[in-house]
Amino acid sequence: LVASGGGVCVCPLTEAALGDGVFASLEATAGAVSLGTDCNARIDMIEEMRWLEYSQRLERGRRGVFSSVAGKGDEGFLARQLL
C-alpha cells in the first residue's frame, strides 16, 4: 500500500469503541499515517490523539512512540507531521 503511494488513516477512539484492536503497523507505513475520527460516541480529534498515544503505550510498553518512525531518517518526523 505505502509503496504505491497510499497511506493509512487510523481512528483509535472508534477502534476502541468497536473493540477492533490497536494499530500496530506504524513502522510498516513509514510515517504515511493520517488520524481521523468517525466515532458515534464522540467526534473529537484531541481525544483521538490521546487514544492513539495510550493504545501505543499499551501495545509497545513504552511512551513517546510517535517521537520518531524508522525509515524516514529524521528523528521526530511523524510527531512533527501530526502537529
PDB file of N, CA and C in Angstrom:
ATOM      1  N   LEU A   1       0.824  -1.194   0.000  1.00  0.00           N
ATOM      2  CA  LEU A   1       0.000   0.000   0.000  1.00  0.00           C
ATOM      3  C   LEU A   1       0.870   1.259   0.000  1.00  0.00           C
ATOM      4  N   VAL A   2       1.792   1.360   0.941  1.00  0.00           N
ATOM      5  CA  VAL A   2       2.648   2.538   1.043  1.00  0.00           C
ATOM      6  C   VAL A   2       3.561   2.657  -0.168  1.00  0.00           C
ATOM      7  N   ALA A   3       4.073   1.526  -0.645  1.00  0.00           N
ATOM      8  CA  ALA A   3       4.964   1.541  -1.809  1.00  0.00           C
ATOM      9  C   ALA A   3       4.281   2.110  -3.050  1.00  0.00           C
ATOM     10  N   SER A   4       2.973   1.986  -3.130  1.00  0.00           N
ATOM     11  CA  SER A   4       2.249   2.510  -4.287  1.00  0.00           C
ATOM     12  C   SER A   4       1.737   3.931  -4.052  1.00  0.00           C
ATOM     13  N   GLY A   5       2.174   4.559  -2.950  1.00  0.00           N
ATOM     14  CA  GLY A   5       1.804   5.950  -2.681  1.00  0.00           C
ATOM     15  C   GLY A   5       0.600   6.115  -1.789  1.00  0.00           C
ATOM     16  N   GLY A   6       0.066   5.034  -1.279  1.00  0.00           N
ATOM     17  CA  GLY A   6      -1.100   5.102  -0.407  1.00  0.00           C
ATOM     18  C   GLY A   6      -0.721   5.408   1.024  1.00  0.00           C
ATOM     19  N   GLY A   7      -1.688   5.665   1.825  1.00  0.00           N
ATOM     20  CA  GLY A   7      -1.489   5.925   3.245  1.00  0.00           C
ATOM     21  C   GLY A   7      -2.536   5.199   4.061  1.00  0.00           C
ATOM     22  N   VAL A   8      -2.458   5.381   5.359  1.00  0.00           N
ATOM     23  CA  VAL A   8      -3.370   4.717   6.282  1.00  0.00           C
ATOM     24  C   VAL A   8      -4.009   5.784   7.163  1.00  0.00           C
ATOM     25  N   CYS A   9      -5.299   5.697   7.364  1.00  0.00           N
ATOM     26  CA  CYS A   9      -5.996   6.579   8.293  1.00  0.00           C
ATOM     27  C   CYS A   9      -6.467   5.739   9.474  1.00  0.00           C
ATOM     28  N   VAL A  10      -6.064   6.138  10.674  1.00  0.00           N
ATOM     29  CA  VAL A  10      -6.472   5.405  11.868  1.00  0.00           C
ATOM     30  C   VAL A  10      -7.412   6.283  12.692  1.00  0.00           C
ATOM     31  N   CYS A  11      -8.374   5.642  13.311  1.00  0.00           N
ATOM     32  CA  CYS A  11      -9.352   6.301  14.173  1.00  0.00           C
ATOM     33  C   CYS A  11      -9.380   5.533  15.493  1.00  0.00           C
ATOM     34  N   PRO A  12      -8.432   5.791  16.387  1.00  0.00           N
ATOM     35  CA  PRO A  12      -8.267   4.977  17.595  1.00  0.00           C
ATOM     36  C   PRO A  12      -9.477   4.956  18.525  1.00  0.00           C
ATOM     37  N   LEU A  13     -10.167   6.069  18.689  1.00  0.00           N
ATOM     38  CA  LEU A  13     -11.344   6.097  19.550  1.00  0.00           C
ATOM     39  C   LEU A  13     -12.437   5.202  18.977  1.00  0.00           C
ATOM     40  N   THR A  14     -12.623   5.260  17.676  1.00  0.00           N
ATOM     41  CA  THR A  14     -13.591   4.395  17.002  1.00  0.00           C
ATOM     42  C   THR A  14     -13.224   2.933  17.177  1.00  0.00           C
ATOM     43  N   GLU A  15     -11.954   2.624  16.943  1.00  0.00           N
ATOM     44  CA  GLU A  15     -11.493   1.235  17.089  1.00  0.00           C
ATOM     45  C   GLU A  15     -11.683   0.746  18.516  1.00  0.00           C
ATOM     46  N   ALA A  16     -11.441   1.610  19.486  1.00  0.00           N
ATOM     47  CA  ALA A  16     -11.645   1.224  20.888  1.00  0.00           C
ATOM     48  C   ALA A  16     -13.123   0.976  21.180  1.00  0.00           C
ATOM     49  N   ALA A  17     -13.988   1.853  20.673  1.00  0.00           N
ATOM     50  CA  ALA A  17     -15.427   1.698  20.904  1.00  0.00           C
ATOM     51  C   ALA A  17     -15.949   0.402  20.280  1.00  0.00           C
ATOM     52  N   LEU A  18     -15.379   0.036  19.124  1.00  0.00           N
ATOM     53  CA  LEU A  18     -15.808  -1.184  18.439  1.00  0.00           C
ATOM     54  C   LEU A  18     -15.095  -2.436  18.932  1.00  0.00           C
ATOM     55  N   GLY A  19     -14.015  -2.246  19.681  1.00  0.00           N
ATOM     56  CA  GLY A  19     -13.228  -3.394  20.142  1.00  0.00           C
ATOM     57  C   GLY A  19     -12.412  -4.024  19.030  1.00  0.00           C
ATOM     58  N   ASP A  20     -12.025  -3.215  18.041  1.00  0.00           N
ATOM     59  CA  ASP A  20     -11.309  -3.739  16.873  1.00  0.00           C
ATOM     60  C   ASP A  20      -9.815  -3.935  17.080  1.00  0.00           C
ATOM     61  N   GLY A  21      -9.267  -3.429  18.150  1.00  0.00           N
ATOM     62  CA  GLY A  21      -7.843  -3.633  18.400  1.00  0.00           C
ATOM     63  C   GLY A  21      -7.025  -2.371  18.229  1.00  0.00           C
ATOM     64  N   VAL A  22      -5.706  -2.558  18.252  1.00  0.00           N
ATOM     65  CA  VAL A  22      -4.746  -1.468  18.249  1.00  0.00           C
ATOM     66  C   VAL A  22      -4.007  -1.427  16.922  1.00  0.00           C
ATOM     67  N   PHE A  23      -3.796  -0.234  16.389  1.00  0.00           N
ATOM     68  CA  PHE A  23      -2.996  -0.054  15.191  1.00  0.00           C
ATOM     69  C   PHE A  23      -1.551  -0.401  15.519  1.00  0.00           C
ATOM     70  N   ALA A  24      -1.039  -1.456  14.915  1.00  0.00           N
ATOM     71  CA  ALA A  24       0.283  -1.955  15.284  1.00  0.00           C
ATOM     72  C   ALA A  24       1.273  -1.955  14.131  1.00  0.00           C
ATOM     73  N   SER A  25       0.980  -1.241  13.050  1.00  0.00           N
ATOM     74  CA  SER A  25       1.834  -1.279  11.863  1.00  0.00           C
ATOM     75  C   SER A  25       2.484   0.062  11.579  1.00  0.00           C
ATOM     76  N   LEU A  26       2.844   0.786  12.610  1.00  0.00           N
ATOM     77  CA  LEU A  26       3.417   2.108  12.440  1.00  0.00           C
ATOM     78  C   LEU A  26       4.668   2.093  11.578  1.00  0.00           C
ATOM     79  N   GLU A  27       5.595   1.214  11.862  1.00  0.00           N
ATOM     80  CA  GLU A  27       6.838   1.151  11.082  1.00  0.00           C
ATOM     81  C   GLU A  27       6.583   0.739   9.638  1.00  0.00           C
ATOM     82  N   ALA A  28       5.621  -0.122   9.417  1.00  0.00           N
ATOM     83  CA  ALA A  28       5.320  -0.592   8.059  1.00  0.00           C
ATOM     84  C   ALA A  28       4.789   0.526   7.170  1.00  0.00           C
ATOM     85  N   THR A  29       4.219   1.559   7.768  1.00  0.00           N
ATOM     86  CA  THR A  29       3.677   2.665   6.974  1.00  0.00           C
ATOM     87  C   THR A  29       4.722   3.725   6.661  1.00  0.00           C
ATOM     88  N   ALA A  30       5.897   3.638   7.269  1.00  0.00           N
ATOM     89  CA  ALA A  30       6.969   4.636   7.080  1.00  0.00           C
ATOM     90  C   ALA A  30       6.464   6.052   7.319  1.00  0.00           C
ATOM     91  N   GLY A  31       5.533   6.184   8.236  1.00  0.00           N
ATOM     92  CA  GLY A  31       5.024   7.505   8.586  1.00  0.00           C
ATOM     93  C   GLY A  31       3.867   7.994   7.749  1.00  0.00           C
ATOM     94  N   ALA A  32       3.378   7.208   6.800  1.00  0.00           N
ATOM     95  CA  ALA A  32       2.241   7.609   5.961  1.00  0.00           C
ATOM     96  C   ALA A  32       0.941   7.282   6.682  1.00  0.00           C
ATOM     97  N   VAL A  33       0.712   7.988   7.795  1.00  0.00           N
ATOM     98  CA  VAL A  33      -0.453   7.736   8.645  1.00  0.00           C
ATOM     99  C   VAL A  33      -1.215   9.037   8.845  1.00  0.00           C
ATOM    100  N   SER A  34      -2.516   8.968   8.695  1.00  0.00           N
ATOM    101  CA  SER A  34      -3.389  10.100   8.999  1.00  0.00           C
ATOM    102  C   SER A  34      -4.240   9.708  10.195  1.00  0.00           C
ATOM    103  N   LEU A  35      -4.645  10.692  10.940  1.00  0.00           N
ATOM    104  CA  LEU A  35      -5.506  10.470  12.092  1.00  0.00           C
ATOM    105  C   LEU A  35      -6.876  11.024  11.764  1.00  0.00           C
ATOM    106  N   GLY A  36      -7.894  10.205  11.969  1.00  0.00           N
ATOM    107  CA  GLY A  36      -9.248  10.633  11.667  1.00  0.00           C
ATOM    108  C   GLY A  36     -10.182  10.386  12.840  1.00  0.00           C
ATOM    109  N   THR A  37     -11.416  10.755  12.668  1.00  0.00           N
ATOM    110  CA  THR A  37     -12.431  10.499  13.684  1.00  0.00           C
ATOM    111  C   THR A  37     -13.759  10.205  12.993  1.00  0.00           C
ATOM    112  N   ASP A  38     -14.420   9.156  13.440  1.00  0.00           N
ATOM    113  CA  ASP A  38     -15.736   8.831  12.904  1.00  0.00           C
ATOM    114  C   ASP A  38     -16.553   8.052  13.929  1.00  0.00           C
ATOM    115  N   CYS A  39     -16.267   8.307  15.183  1.00  0.00           N
ATOM    116  CA  CYS A  39     -16.918   7.564  16.265  1.00  0.00           C
ATOM    117  C   CYS A  39     -18.287   8.162  16.581  1.00  0.00           C
ATOM    118  N   ASN A  40     -19.292   7.328  16.710  1.00  0.00           N
ATOM    119  CA  ASN A  40     -20.606   7.812  17.105  1.00  0.00           C
ATOM    120  C   ASN A  40     -20.628   8.293  18.552  1.00  0.00           C
ATOM    121  N   ALA A  41     -19.698   7.788  19.366  1.00  0.00           N
ATOM    122  CA  ALA A  41     -19.669   8.170  20.776  1.00  0.00           C
ATOM    123  C   ALA A  41     -19.186   9.605  20.962  1.00  0.00           C
ATOM    124  N   ARG A  42     -18.189  10.018  20.156  1.00  0.00           N
ATOM    125  CA  ARG A  42     -17.624  11.357  20.308  1.00  0.00           C
ATOM    126  C   ARG A  42     -16.788  11.699  19.082  1.00  0.00           C
ATOM    127  N   ILE A  43     -16.974  12.882  18.537  1.00  0.00           N
ATOM    128  CA  ILE A  43     -16.141  13.383  17.442  1.00  0.00           C
ATOM    129  C   ILE A  43     -15.206  14.422  18.061  1.00  0.00           C
ATOM    130  N   ASP A  44     -13.947  14.033  18.258  1.00  0.00           N
ATOM    131  CA  ASP A  44     -13.007  14.896  18.975  1.00  0.00           C
ATOM    132  C   ASP A  44     -11.580  14.495  18.602  1.00  0.00           C
ATOM    133  N   MET A  45     -10.896  15.318  17.801  1.00  0.00           N
ATOM    134  CA  MET A  45      -9.541  14.971  17.357  1.00  0.00           C
ATOM    135  C   MET A  45      -8.546  14.909  18.508  1.00  0.00           C
ATOM    136  N   ILE A  46      -8.718  15.738  19.534  1.00  0.00           N
ATOM    137  CA  ILE A  46      -7.824  15.672  20.694  1.00  0.00           C
ATOM    138  C   ILE A  46      -7.967  14.311  21.372  1.00  0.00           C
ATOM    139  N   GLU A  47      -9.197  13.863  21.495  1.00  0.00           N
ATOM    140  CA  GLU A  47      -9.447  12.543  22.094  1.00  0.00           C
ATOM    141  C   GLU A  47      -8.851  11.430  21.223  1.00  0.00           C
ATOM    142  N   GLU A  48      -8.946  11.566  19.906  1.00  0.00           N
ATOM    143  CA  GLU A  48      -8.329  10.582  19.003  1.00  0.00           C
ATOM    144  C   GLU A  48      -6.816  10.528  19.227  1.00  0.00           C
ATOM    145  N   MET A  49      -6.177  11.695  19.351  1.00  0.00           N
ATOM    146  CA  MET A  49      -4.729  11.730  19.601  1.00  0.00           C
ATOM    147  C   MET A  49      -4.387  11.068  20.928  1.00  0.00           C
ATOM    148  N   ARG A  50      -5.189  11.357  21.940  1.00  0.00           N
ATOM    149  CA  ARG A  50      -4.970  10.760  23.261  1.00  0.00           C
ATOM    150  C   ARG A  50      -5.084   9.234  23.189  1.00  0.00           C
ATOM    151  N   TRP A  51      -6.127   8.741  22.521  1.00  0.00           N
ATOM    152  CA  TRP A  51      -6.315   7.298  22.404  1.00  0.00           C
ATOM    153  C   TRP A  51      -5.208   6.652  21.576  1.00  0.00           C
ATOM    154  N   LEU A  52      -4.727   7.349  20.563  1.00  0.00           N
ATOM    155  CA  LEU A  52      -3.622   6.818  19.768  1.00  0.00           C
ATOM    156  C   LEU A  52      -2.379   6.639  20.643  1.00  0.00           C
ATOM    157  N   GLU A  53      -2.029   7.654  21.411  1.00  0.00           N
ATOM    158  CA  GLU A  53      -0.863   7.552  22.290  1.00  0.00           C
ATOM    159  C   GLU A  53      -1.064   6.466  23.344  1.00  0.00           C
ATOM    160  N   TYR A  54      -2.222   6.445  23.985  1.00  0.00           N
ATOM    161  CA  TYR A  54      -2.481   5.441  25.018  1.00  0.00           C
ATOM    162  C   TYR A  54      -2.425   4.023  24.454  1.00  0.00           C
ATOM    163  N   SER A  55      -3.038   3.819  23.302  1.00  0.00           N
ATOM    164  CA  SER A  55      -3.051   2.462  22.729  1.00  0.00           C
ATOM    165  C   SER A  55      -1.641   2.013  22.352  1.00  0.00           C
ATOM    166  N   GLN A  56      -0.816   2.944  21.859  1.00  0.00           N
ATOM    167  CA  GLN A  56       0.558   2.586  21.517  1.00  0.00           C
ATOM    168  C   GLN A  56       1.387   2.308  22.768  1.00  0.00           C
ATOM    169  N   ARG A  57       1.126   3.038  23.842  1.00  0.00           N
ATOM    170  CA  ARG A  57       1.805   2.750  25.118  1.00  0.00           C
ATOM    171  C   ARG A  57       1.483   1.339  25.581  1.00  0.00           C
ATOM    172  N   LEU A  58       0.210   0.976  25.508  1.00  0.00           N
ATOM    173  CA  LEU A  58      -0.196  -0.366  25.936  1.00  0.00           C
ATOM    174  C   LEU A  58       0.377  -1.449  25.023  1.00  0.00           C
ATOM    175  N   GLU A  59       0.356  -1.213  23.723  1.00  0.00           N
ATOM    176  CA  GLU A  59       0.840  -2.201  22.754  1.00  0.00           C
ATOM    177  C   GLU A  59       2.350  -2.415  22.851  1.00  0.00           C
ATOM    178  N   ARG A  60       3.104  -1.323  23.049  1.00  0.00           N
ATOM    179  CA  ARG A  60       4.560  -1.391  22.976  1.00  0.00           C
ATOM    180  C   ARG A  60       5.264  -1.312  24.323  1.00  0.00           C
ATOM    181  N   GLY A  61       4.515  -0.981  25.371  1.00  0.00           N
ATOM    182  CA  GLY A  61       5.102  -0.930  26.705  1.00  0.00           C
ATOM    183  C   GLY A  61       6.073   0.219  26.910  1.00  0.00           C
ATOM    184  N   ARG A  62       5.880   1.310  26.181  1.00  0.00           N
ATOM    185  CA  ARG A  62       6.724   2.495  26.367  1.00  0.00           C
ATOM    186  C   ARG A  62       5.966   3.741  25.929  1.00  0.00           C
ATOM    187  N   ARG A  63       6.473   4.893  26.353  1.00  0.00           N
ATOM    188  CA  ARG A  63       5.865   6.173  25.973  1.00  0.00           C
ATOM    189  C   ARG A  63       6.593   6.771  24.786  1.00  0.00           C
ATOM    190  N   GLY A  64       5.980   7.770  24.166  1.00  0.00           N
ATOM    191  CA  GLY A  64       6.629   8.516  23.101  1.00  0.00           C
ATOM    192  C   GLY A  64       6.830   7.741  21.815  1.00  0.00           C
ATOM    193  N   VAL A  65       5.936   6.831  21.498  1.00  0.00           N
ATOM    194  CA  VAL A  65       6.076   6.014  20.296  1.00  0.00           C
ATOM    195  C   VAL A  65       6.131   6.889  19.048  1.00  0.00           C
ATOM    196  N   PHE A  66       5.402   7.993  19.033  1.00  0.00           N
ATOM    197  CA  PHE A  66       5.338   8.835  17.842  1.00  0.00           C
ATOM    198  C   PHE A  66       6.406   9.912  17.795  1.00  0.00           C
ATOM    199  N   SER A  67       7.427   9.798  18.621  1.00  0.00           N
ATOM    200  CA  SER A  67       8.501  10.784  18.552  1.00  0.00           C
ATOM    201  C   SER A  67       9.396  10.533  17.351  1.00  0.00           C
ATOM    202  N   SER A  68       9.382   9.324  16.803  1.00  0.00           N
ATOM    203  CA  SER A  68      10.145   9.037  15.590  1.00  0.00           C
ATOM    204  C   SER A  68       9.591   7.782  14.930  1.00  0.00           C
ATOM    205  N   VAL A  69       9.865   7.635  13.655  1.00  0.00           N
ATOM    206  CA  VAL A  69       9.468   6.451  12.908  1.00  0.00           C
ATOM    207  C   VAL A  69      10.656   6.018  12.066  1.00  0.00           C
ATOM    208  N   ALA A  70      11.007   4.754  12.166  1.00  0.00           N
ATOM    209  CA  ALA A  70      12.113   4.231  11.363  1.00  0.00           C
ATOM    210  C   ALA A  70      11.771   4.355   9.882  1.00  0.00           C
ATOM    211  N   GLY A  71      12.773   4.629   9.086  1.00  0.00           N
ATOM    212  CA  GLY A  71      12.556   4.689   7.653  1.00  0.00           C
ATOM    213  C   GLY A  71      12.577   6.088   7.090  1.00  0.00           C
ATOM    214  N   LYS A  72      12.417   7.089   7.915  1.00  0.00           N
ATOM    215  CA  LYS A  72      12.446   8.462   7.429  1.00  0.00           C
ATOM    216  C   LYS A  72      13.824   9.091   7.623  1.00  0.00           C
ATOM    217  N   GLY A  73      14.659   8.536   8.504  1.00  0.00           N
ATOM    218  CA  GLY A  73      15.986   9.068   8.723  1.00  0.00           C
ATOM    219  C   GLY A  73      15.973  10.437   9.379  1.00  0.00           C
ATOM    220  N   ASP A  74      14.854  10.809   9.983  1.00  0.00           N
ATOM    221  CA  ASP A  74      14.733  12.123  10.597  1.00  0.00           C
ATOM    222  C   ASP A  74      14.024  11.959  11.934  1.00  0.00           C
ATOM    223  N   GLU A  75      14.757  12.079  13.013  1.00  0.00           N
ATOM    224  CA  GLU A  75      14.195  11.909  14.357  1.00  0.00           C
ATOM    225  C   GLU A  75      13.016  12.854  14.559  1.00  0.00           C
ATOM    226  N   GLY A  76      11.898  12.316  14.989  1.00  0.00           N
ATOM    227  CA  GLY A  76      10.711  13.115  15.271  1.00  0.00           C
ATOM    228  C   GLY A  76       9.868  13.469  14.062  1.00  0.00           C
ATOM    229  N   PHE A  77      10.111  12.866  12.919  1.00  0.00           N
ATOM    230  CA  PHE A  77       9.397  13.203  11.683  1.00  0.00           C
ATOM    231  C   PHE A  77       7.888  13.077  11.853  1.00  0.00           C
ATOM    232  N   LEU A  78       7.427  11.937  12.324  1.00  0.00           N
ATOM    233  CA  LEU A  78       5.982  11.720  12.421  1.00  0.00           C
ATOM    234  C   LEU A  78       5.354  12.661  13.433  1.00  0.00           C
ATOM    235  N   ALA A  79       6.000  12.869  14.567  1.00  0.00           N
ATOM    236  CA  ALA A  79       5.447  13.758  15.577  1.00  0.00           C
ATOM    237  C   ALA A  79       5.232  15.157  14.996  1.00  0.00           C
ATOM    238  N   ARG A  80       6.179  15.664  14.226  1.00  0.00           N
ATOM    239  CA  ARG A  80       6.018  16.998  13.618  1.00  0.00           C
ATOM    240  C   ARG A  80       4.898  16.980  12.579  1.00  0.00           C
ATOM    241  N   GLN A  81       4.754  15.895  11.847  1.00  0.00           N
ATOM    242  CA  GLN A  81       3.712  15.829  10.831  1.00  0.00           C
ATOM    243  C   GLN A  81       2.320  15.812  11.463  1.00  0.00           C
ATOM    244  N   LEU A  82       2.193  15.214  12.645  1.00  0.00           N
ATOM    245  CA  LEU A  82       0.902  15.163  13.317  1.00  0.00           C
ATOM    246  C   LEU A  82       0.507  16.522  13.889  1.00  0.00           C
ATOM    247  N   LEU A  83       1.488  17.388  14.124  1.00  0.00           N
ATOM    248  CA  LEU A  83       1.186  18.726  14.665  1.00  0.00           C
ATOM    249  C   LEU A  83       0.737  19.585  13.572  1.00  0.00           C
TER     250      LEU A  83
END
